[in-house]
């Protein structure tokens, strides 16, 4: 098969499962945080713990299930069934509330118990989501693409989280604004499950290079010093992505809360909609220019754009300035994401694509989501800004989260510098 020319069915699968997966992740990464803050507990450390536990679950799941998909040489069943169960576990949040928990546990701390239940449910949802999306779908994308078309594919995939958020803001945020959380979770969870059902008929099984190695040896393959020595450039790009992810996670879990509570803007859906549309277009246009030979040329300029946008957000107060700053920040974020994703895929060993989704998750999810949110929570907790919600005092996110994120961006240059040097000295390390 000529991978450089992706057919209609392949593009349809990429777009459908990329989008439906991002709908579910958008609910988790943004709305679960808002749900926890507004409906259950305003403690930012509760959000940080939920993000961290979900990240740990996602990493472990992706490692185990990605390696398993390599071992059985199948992706389709993991994707389709995983999406169905992912949707069901998402809509289950419709039945969670402090009042319900209080009626079941009459002598316990209802808020604390509800926080624990939400974190456990989030981990269950993440298990299905990471099996389907991180472990299987991302491996399938690597299977069906090559170094020539990955820049274009990643440019499109990088916009889907924003497209998903745009769909949610435009079509479903009204339920959140009216405190209709159960309906919000029921509808979006059902959509994700519908995607899994469609996948049973749409997905064409990729040509998976079946791993003949012992399954348990495959699980630890990526942690061996010999593997790191064999693929140094891959791990340098993974380290760069970890720092990039930490930067994003310093502010992202608290972004909607910041707009709503610190800036006092309730119409965040309109602001985010404009930002998402413009930055998505920018990402697609730039992604079309990315080729196998010129990926590196885009990294440092896009990091500069990202840092500039974060600093502008630090000073942004009015709606117009917020939109401009947010667009610049998100455009840089998307371009960095798409190019570094493509670089990581280029250096991923083809006979262990599924397993390396787990290694990838350590750097993409576990490290960023454990470190970043706690940095953000520390900034928020010590900011001195509070919000009185019916007698409950809640800390409010402040612009300091953007300054913290911008500082972390600077450190991305270190692993990138060594990766670029390594690429100049050697050739043929790339897996494709």
Protein backbone atom coordinates (compact mmCIF):
# COMPACT_ATOMS: atom_id res chain seq x y z
CA UNK A 1 0.00 0.00 0.00
CA UNK A 2 1.26 3.48 -0.83
CA UNK A 3 0.85 5.15 2.52
CA UNK A 4 1.63 8.58 1.12
CA UNK A 5 -1.78 8.50 -0.62
CA UNK A 6 -4.43 7.98 2.02
CA UNK A 7 -7.82 6.92 0.68
CA UNK A 8 -11.29 8.16 1.58
CA UNK A 9 -11.94 5.33 4.02
CA UNK A 10 -8.69 5.95 5.86
CA UNK A 11 -9.32 9.70 6.07
CA UNK A 12 -12.90 9.06 7.24
CA UNK A 13 -11.62 6.82 10.02
CA UNK A 14 -8.94 9.34 11.01
CA UNK A 15 -11.46 12.18 11.19
CA UNK A 16 -14.32 10.27 12.83
CA UNK A 17 -12.34 8.58 15.58
CA UNK A 18 -10.04 11.52 16.03
CA UNK A 19 -13.07 13.78 16.54
CA UNK A 20 -15.24 11.47 18.67
CA UNK A 21 -12.25 10.64 20.84
CA UNK A 22 -11.50 14.31 21.36
CA UNK A 23 -15.13 14.95 22.30
CA UNK A 24 -14.67 12.53 25.18
CA UNK A 25 -11.26 13.91 26.14
CA UNK A 26 -12.59 17.48 26.05
CA UNK A 27 -15.31 16.50 28.50
CA UNK A 28 -12.70 14.97 30.79
CA UNK A 29 -9.90 17.52 30.43
CA UNK A 30 -12.05 20.65 30.74
CA UNK A 31 -15.59 19.93 31.85
CA UNK A 32 -14.83 17.34 34.54
CA UNK A 33 -12.65 20.03 36.14
CA UNK A 34 -15.45 22.60 35.88
CA UNK A 35 -17.97 20.03 37.14
CA UNK A 36 -15.79 19.21 40.14
CA UNK A 37 -15.13 22.90 40.93
CA UNK A 38 -18.68 24.19 40.50
CA UNK A 39 -20.75 21.24 41.69
CA UNK A 40 -18.61 19.38 44.24
CA UNK A 41 -15.44 21.01 45.60
CA UNK A 42 -13.60 24.26 44.86
CA UNK A 43 -10.27 22.93 46.11
CA UNK A 44 -7.79 23.16 43.18
CA UNK A 45 -5.83 20.25 44.63
CA UNK A 46 -8.90 18.03 44.10
CA UNK A 47 -8.66 18.87 40.41
CA UNK A 48 -4.91 18.26 40.43
CA UNK A 49 -5.37 14.85 42.05
CA UNK A 50 -8.09 13.88 39.58
CA UNK A 51 -5.88 14.87 36.64
CA UNK A 52 -2.87 13.05 38.10
CA UNK A 53 -4.75 9.81 38.85
CA UNK A 54 -6.32 9.84 35.41
CA UNK A 55 -2.89 10.36 33.85
CA UNK A 56 -1.44 7.41 35.75
CA UNK A 57 -4.37 5.23 34.66
CA UNK A 58 -4.03 6.37 31.06
CA UNK A 59 -0.33 5.60 30.97
CA UNK A 60 -0.55 2.15 32.52
CA UNK A 61 -3.56 1.24 30.37
CA UNK A 62 -1.96 2.40 27.14
CA UNK A 63 1.22 0.52 27.88
CA UNK A 64 -0.56 -2.77 28.63
CA UNK A 65 -3.27 -2.57 25.97
CA UNK A 66 -1.01 -1.07 23.30
CA UNK A 67 1.45 -3.93 23.73
CA UNK A 68 -1.47 -6.40 23.69
CA UNK A 69 -2.71 -4.97 20.37
CA UNK A 70 0.80 -5.54 18.99
CA UNK A 71 0.83 -9.09 20.33
CA UNK A 72 -2.53 -10.10 18.83
CA UNK A 73 -1.86 -8.03 15.69
CA UNK A 74 -5.25 -6.29 15.90
CA UNK A 75 -6.34 -2.67 16.31
CA UNK A 76 -10.00 -2.57 15.18
CA UNK A 77 -11.57 -4.50 18.05
CA UNK A 78 -9.71 -2.43 20.65
CA UNK A 79 -10.82 0.81 19.00
CA UNK A 80 -14.49 -0.02 18.40
CA UNK A 81 -15.34 -1.83 21.63
CA UNK A 82 -13.23 0.62 23.58
CA UNK A 83 -15.15 3.61 22.20
CA UNK A 84 -18.49 1.96 23.04
CA UNK A 85 -17.48 1.39 26.67
CA UNK A 86 -15.78 4.80 26.81
CA UNK A 87 -19.10 6.47 25.99
CA UNK A 88 -21.01 4.43 28.54
CA UNK A 89 -18.57 5.30 31.31
CA UNK A 90 -18.80 8.99 30.36
CA UNK A 91 -22.60 9.14 30.50
CA UNK A 92 -22.47 7.44 33.93
CA UNK A 93 -21.44 10.82 35.38
CA UNK A 94 -25.02 11.94 34.81
CA UNK A 95 -25.96 10.04 37.95
CA UNK A 96 -23.37 11.58 40.32
CA UNK A 97 -24.12 14.45 42.72
CA UNK A 98 -23.30 15.46 46.29
CA UNK A 99 -26.99 15.10 47.24
CA UNK A 100 -27.12 11.53 45.94
CA UNK A 101 -23.95 10.59 47.80
CA UNK A 102 -25.21 12.28 50.98
CA UNK A 103 -28.37 10.18 50.86
CA UNK A 104 -26.28 6.99 50.57
CA UNK A 105 -23.59 7.88 53.13
CA UNK A 106 -25.48 9.67 55.88
CA UNK A 107 -22.61 9.82 58.37
CA UNK A 108 -19.70 10.58 56.07
CA UNK A 109 -18.27 13.73 54.51
CA UNK A 110 -20.47 13.84 51.41
CA UNK A 111 -18.20 16.24 49.52
CA UNK A 112 -15.04 14.22 50.16
CA UNK A 113 -16.77 10.95 49.28
CA UNK A 114 -18.16 12.47 46.07
CA UNK A 115 -14.69 13.71 45.08
CA UNK A 116 -13.30 10.19 45.60
CA UNK A 117 -16.15 8.63 43.59
CA UNK A 118 -15.64 11.09 40.73
CA UNK A 119 -11.89 10.36 40.65
CA UNK A 120 -12.53 6.59 40.58
CA UNK A 121 -15.12 6.97 37.81
CA UNK A 122 -12.74 9.19 35.89
CA UNK A 123 -10.08 6.48 36.10
CA UNK A 124 -12.55 3.87 34.81
CA UNK A 125 -13.52 6.12 31.93
CA UNK A 126 -9.85 6.77 31.23
CA UNK A 127 -9.14 3.02 31.10
CA UNK A 128 -11.59 2.55 28.23
CA UNK A 129 -10.55 5.79 26.54
CA UNK A 130 -6.85 5.03 26.67
CA UNK A 131 -7.41 1.49 25.44
CA UNK A 132 -9.39 2.73 22.46
CA UNK A 133 -7.70 6.01 21.61
CA UNK A 134 -4.20 6.15 23.06
CA UNK A 135 -3.33 2.48 22.80
CA UNK A 136 -5.09 1.35 19.63
CA UNK A 137 -6.16 4.35 17.53
CA UNK A 138 -2.81 6.13 17.83
CA UNK A 139 -1.01 2.91 16.92
CA UNK A 140 -3.37 2.52 13.94
CA UNK A 141 -2.48 6.06 12.80
CA UNK A 142 1.21 5.16 12.88
CA UNK A 143 0.45 1.94 10.97
CA UNK A 144 -1.33 3.67 8.08
CA UNK A 145 0.93 6.73 7.69
CA UNK A 146 4.58 7.33 6.84
CA UNK A 147 7.12 10.13 7.21
CA UNK A 148 5.86 11.83 4.03
CA UNK A 149 2.25 12.34 5.09
CA UNK A 150 2.49 12.46 8.88
CA UNK A 151 2.99 16.21 8.97
CA UNK A 152 -0.29 16.73 7.11
CA UNK A 153 -2.14 14.07 9.11
CA UNK A 154 -0.86 15.41 12.44
CA UNK A 155 -1.77 18.95 11.38
CA UNK A 156 -5.37 17.82 10.91
CA UNK A 157 -5.44 15.63 14.04
CA UNK A 158 -4.01 18.45 16.13
CA UNK A 159 -7.00 20.63 15.28
CA UNK A 160 -9.57 18.00 16.31
CA UNK A 161 -9.33 18.69 20.07
CA UNK A 162 -10.23 22.27 19.28
CA UNK A 163 -12.95 21.30 16.83
CA UNK A 164 -14.36 19.00 19.52
CA UNK A 165 -14.34 21.82 22.05
CA UNK A 166 -15.96 24.12 19.48
CA UNK A 167 -18.75 21.59 18.95
CA UNK A 168 -19.24 21.27 22.70
CA UNK A 169 -19.15 25.03 23.29
CA UNK A 170 -21.55 25.70 20.43
CA UNK A 171 -23.94 22.81 20.88
CA UNK A 172 -23.79 21.54 24.43
CA UNK A 173 -22.34 24.20 26.75
CA UNK A 174 -25.85 25.62 27.14
CA UNK A 175 -26.66 22.57 29.31
CA UNK A 176 -23.72 23.42 31.58
CA UNK A 177 -24.73 27.08 31.77
CA UNK A 178 -28.19 25.97 32.88
CA UNK A 179 -26.77 23.43 35.36
CA UNK A 180 -28.13 20.52 33.32
CA UNK A 181 -25.04 18.38 33.85
CA UNK A 182 -26.86 15.01 33.62
CA UNK A 183 -28.17 15.82 30.12
CA UNK A 184 -24.71 17.07 29.10
CA UNK A 185 -23.04 13.79 30.08
CA UNK A 186 -25.80 11.61 28.65
CA UNK A 187 -25.69 13.19 25.19
CA UNK A 188 -21.91 13.33 24.79
CA UNK A 189 -21.38 9.85 26.22
CA UNK A 190 -23.92 8.46 23.76
CA UNK A 191 -22.14 10.15 20.84
CA UNK A 192 -18.85 8.50 21.74
CA UNK A 193 -20.50 5.08 21.97
CA UNK A 194 -22.14 5.70 18.60
CA UNK A 195 -18.68 6.28 17.14
CA UNK A 196 -17.59 2.87 18.41
CA UNK A 197 -20.57 1.18 16.78
CA UNK A 198 -19.80 2.88 13.45
CA UNK A 199 -16.19 1.73 13.78
CA UNK A 200 -17.27 -1.91 13.68
CA UNK A 201 -18.17 -1.32 10.02
CA UNK A 202 -15.84 1.51 8.99
CA UNK A 203 -12.37 0.67 10.29
CA UNK A 204 -10.11 -1.29 7.99
CA UNK A 205 -7.59 -3.35 9.94
CA UNK A 206 -4.08 -2.03 9.38
CA UNK A 207 -1.03 -4.08 8.49
CA UNK A 208 0.28 -4.54 12.00
CA UNK A 209 3.82 -5.77 12.36
CA UNK A 210 3.08 -8.52 14.84
CA UNK A 211 5.43 -8.62 17.81
CA UNK A 212 6.92 -12.10 18.16
CA UNK A 213 8.62 -11.22 21.43
CA UNK A 214 7.33 -12.43 24.78
CA UNK A 215 4.47 -10.15 25.89
CA UNK A 216 5.99 -9.33 29.28
CA UNK A 217 9.37 -8.61 27.72
CA UNK A 218 7.61 -6.30 25.29
CA UNK A 219 6.07 -4.39 28.20
CA UNK A 220 9.46 -3.46 29.62
CA UNK A 221 11.19 -3.01 26.25
CA UNK A 222 10.92 0.76 26.21
CA UNK A 223 12.42 1.07 29.71
CA UNK A 224 15.60 -0.83 28.92
CA UNK A 225 18.77 1.30 28.81
CA UNK A 226 19.71 -0.58 25.63
CA UNK A 227 16.48 0.59 23.97
CA UNK A 228 17.12 4.20 24.95
CA UNK A 229 20.68 3.93 23.58
CA UNK A 230 19.32 2.42 20.38
CA UNK A 231 16.72 5.18 19.85
CA UNK A 232 18.20 8.31 21.51
CA UNK A 233 16.51 10.79 19.19
CA UNK A 234 13.09 9.32 19.94
CA UNK A 235 13.59 9.79 23.68
CA UNK A 236 14.91 13.32 23.26
CA UNK A 237 11.74 14.28 21.40
CA UNK A 238 9.68 12.53 24.07
CA UNK A 239 11.46 14.59 26.76
CA UNK A 240 10.74 17.76 24.76
CA UNK A 241 7.07 16.79 24.55
CA UNK A 242 6.95 16.13 28.30
CA UNK A 243 8.14 19.68 29.00
CA UNK A 244 5.68 21.02 26.45
CA UNK A 245 2.90 19.04 28.15
CA UNK A 246 3.86 20.33 31.61
CA UNK A 247 3.63 23.88 30.28
CA UNK A 248 0.13 23.24 28.94
CA UNK A 249 -1.08 21.49 32.10
CA UNK A 250 0.02 24.36 34.35
CA UNK A 251 -2.92 26.43 33.07
CA UNK A 252 -5.22 24.27 30.94
CA UNK A 253 -7.15 22.41 33.71
CA UNK A 254 -8.07 25.79 35.21
CA UNK A 255 -8.61 27.79 32.01
CA UNK A 256 -12.43 27.88 31.94
CA UNK A 257 -12.54 28.52 35.67
CA UNK A 258 -10.09 31.43 35.19
CA UNK A 259 -12.24 33.03 32.48
CA UNK A 260 -15.43 32.54 34.44
CA UNK A 261 -14.30 33.39 37.98
CA UNK A 262 -11.25 35.67 37.67
CA UNK A 263 -12.18 37.65 34.56
CA UNK A 264 -15.91 37.44 35.30
CA UNK A 265 -16.79 36.45 31.72
CA UNK A 266 -19.65 33.97 31.51
CA UNK A 267 -19.73 33.90 27.70
CA UNK A 268 -16.50 31.91 27.52
CA UNK A 269 -18.03 29.69 24.82
CA UNK A 270 -18.01 32.59 22.33
CA UNK A 271 -14.42 33.53 23.17
CA UNK A 272 -13.22 29.95 22.93
CA UNK A 273 -15.17 29.42 19.72
CA UNK A 274 -13.42 32.30 17.96
CA UNK A 275 -10.01 31.21 19.28
CA UNK A 276 -10.56 27.61 18.22
CA UNK A 277 -11.74 28.42 14.71
CA UNK A 278 -8.86 30.77 13.87
CA UNK A 279 -6.13 28.65 15.48
CA UNK A 280 -7.47 25.48 13.81
CA UNK A 281 -7.27 27.15 10.39
CA UNK A 282 -3.73 28.33 11.13
CA UNK A 283 -2.69 24.83 12.19
CA UNK A 284 -4.12 23.20 9.06
CA UNK A 285 -2.50 25.78 6.76
CA UNK A 286 0.89 25.39 8.44
CA UNK A 287 0.51 21.60 8.56
CA UNK A 288 0.17 21.54 4.78
CA UNK A 289 3.63 23.07 4.53
CA UNK A 290 5.26 20.50 6.80
CA UNK A 291 7.21 17.78 5.01
CA UNK A 292 9.57 15.00 6.06
CA UNK A 293 12.55 17.27 5.45
CA UNK A 294 11.49 20.56 7.04
CA UNK A 295 9.75 19.61 10.31
CA UNK A 296 12.56 20.98 12.49
CA UNK A 297 12.29 24.44 10.95
CA UNK A 298 8.83 24.87 12.45
CA UNK A 299 9.59 23.93 16.06
CA UNK A 300 11.45 26.91 17.52
CA UNK A 301 9.34 29.57 15.74
CA UNK A 302 6.12 27.90 16.92
CA UNK A 303 7.50 27.67 20.47
CA UNK A 304 8.17 31.41 20.30
CA UNK A 305 4.58 32.02 19.22
CA UNK A 306 3.34 29.83 22.07
CA UNK A 307 5.43 31.68 24.67
CA UNK A 308 4.34 35.07 23.30
CA UNK A 309 0.69 34.04 23.51
CA UNK A 310 1.09 32.88 27.12
CA UNK A 311 2.70 36.18 28.12
CA UNK A 312 -0.10 38.09 26.40
CA UNK A 313 -2.65 36.03 28.34
CA UNK A 314 -0.86 37.04 31.53
CA UNK A 315 -1.73 40.69 30.77
CA UNK A 316 -5.07 40.15 28.98
CA UNK A 317 -8.14 41.51 30.74
CA UNK A 318 -10.66 42.62 28.11
CA UNK A 319 -12.51 40.26 25.79
CA UNK A 320 -10.79 41.42 22.57
CA UNK A 321 -7.28 41.18 24.04
CA UNK A 322 -8.15 37.78 25.50
CA UNK A 323 -9.25 36.50 22.09
CA UNK A 324 -6.09 37.78 20.37
CA UNK A 325 -3.79 36.37 23.05
CA UNK A 326 -5.66 33.07 23.17
CA UNK A 327 -5.50 32.68 19.39
CA UNK A 328 -1.75 33.30 19.30
CA UNK A 329 -1.14 30.90 22.18
CA UNK A 330 -3.35 28.15 20.75
CA UNK A 331 -1.90 28.48 17.23
CA UNK A 332 1.62 27.99 18.59
CA UNK A 333 0.40 25.14 20.78
CA UNK A 334 -1.18 23.30 17.86
CA UNK A 335 1.81 23.65 15.57
CA UNK A 336 4.22 22.43 18.25
CA UNK A 337 1.88 19.50 18.95
CA UNK A 338 1.54 18.43 15.31
CA UNK A 339 5.24 18.68 14.46
CA UNK A 340 6.50 16.92 17.59
CA UNK A 341 3.85 14.22 17.20
CA UNK A 342 5.11 13.62 13.67
CA UNK A 343 8.73 13.47 14.85
CA UNK A 344 7.88 10.94 17.56
CA UNK A 345 6.03 8.76 15.05
CA UNK A 346 8.97 8.96 12.65
CA UNK A 347 11.30 7.44 15.25
CA UNK A 348 8.89 4.85 16.69
CA UNK A 349 10.02 1.23 15.97
CA UNK A 350 7.45 -0.26 13.61
CA UNK A 351 7.42 -3.71 15.22
CA UNK A 352 6.51 -2.20 18.61
CA UNK A 353 4.19 0.63 17.64
CA UNK A 354 1.45 -0.41 20.07
CA UNK A 355 3.79 -0.77 23.02
CA UNK A 356 5.47 2.56 22.36
CA UNK A 357 2.10 4.24 22.73
CA UNK A 358 2.53 3.42 26.41
CA UNK A 359 6.06 4.85 26.52
CA UNK A 360 4.67 7.85 24.65
CA UNK A 361 1.96 8.27 27.29
CA UNK A 362 4.54 8.52 30.07
CA UNK A 363 5.96 11.60 28.40
CA UNK A 364 2.73 12.92 26.84
CA UNK A 365 0.34 12.36 29.75
CA UNK A 366 1.78 10.97 33.00
CA UNK A 367 4.64 13.41 33.55
CA UNK A 368 2.77 16.52 32.29
CA UNK A 369 -0.48 15.76 34.13
CA UNK A 370 1.22 14.87 37.40
CA UNK A 371 3.61 17.82 37.43
CA UNK A 372 1.73 20.59 35.58
CA UNK A 373 -1.59 20.74 37.49
CA UNK A 374 0.16 20.77 40.87
CA UNK A 375 2.31 23.70 39.73
CA UNK A 376 -0.89 25.46 38.68
CA UNK A 377 -2.63 24.52 41.94
CA UNK A 378 0.29 25.90 43.96
CA UNK A 379 0.13 29.18 42.04
CA UNK A 380 -3.64 29.39 42.58
CA UNK A 381 -3.53 28.43 46.27
CA UNK A 382 -0.96 31.15 47.01
CA UNK A 383 -2.52 33.85 44.84
CA UNK A 384 -4.74 35.33 47.53
CA UNK A 385 -7.77 35.42 45.20
CA UNK A 386 -10.96 33.75 46.43
CA UNK A 387 -14.56 33.28 45.31
CA UNK A 388 -17.53 33.04 47.69
CA UNK A 389 -19.94 30.40 46.42
CA UNK A 390 -22.97 30.39 48.75
CA UNK A 391 -20.74 30.63 51.80
CA UNK A 392 -18.04 28.29 50.48
CA UNK A 393 -14.70 30.05 49.91
CA UNK A 394 -12.96 28.77 46.77
CA UNK A 395 -9.47 29.78 45.51
CA UNK A 396 -9.61 31.42 42.07
CA UNK A 397 -7.06 30.87 39.25
CA UNK A 398 -5.00 34.01 38.51
CA UNK A 399 -2.82 35.14 35.54
CA UNK A 400 0.18 33.61 37.29
CA UNK A 401 -0.70 30.24 35.72
CA UNK A 402 0.21 31.64 32.29
CA UNK A 403 3.52 33.05 33.51
CA UNK A 404 4.40 29.68 35.01
CA UNK A 405 3.53 27.96 31.73
CA UNK A 406 5.67 30.39 29.71
CA UNK A 407 8.70 29.74 31.94
CA UNK A 408 8.42 25.99 31.35
CA UNK A 409 8.32 26.54 27.55
CA UNK A 410 11.88 27.91 27.68
CA UNK A 411 13.22 24.57 28.92
CA UNK A 412 11.86 22.71 25.85
CA UNK A 413 14.81 24.08 23.91
CA UNK A 414 17.27 21.87 25.83
CA UNK A 415 16.19 18.40 24.58
CA UNK A 416 15.37 19.85 21.14
CA UNK A 417 18.92 21.20 20.83
CA UNK A 418 20.40 17.77 21.52
CA UNK A 419 17.86 16.06 19.24
CA UNK A 420 18.80 18.35 16.36
CA UNK A 421 22.51 17.69 16.97
CA UNK A 422 21.87 13.96 17.03
CA UNK A 423 19.99 14.11 13.74
CA UNK A 424 22.87 15.94 12.08
CA UNK A 425 25.36 13.31 13.24
CA UNK A 426 23.42 10.20 12.34
CA UNK A 427 20.95 8.98 9.73
CA UNK A 428 18.80 5.90 9.38
CA UNK A 429 17.55 5.86 12.95
CA UNK A 430 14.06 6.82 11.80
CA UNK A 431 11.67 3.85 11.88
CA UNK A 432 10.00 4.75 8.59
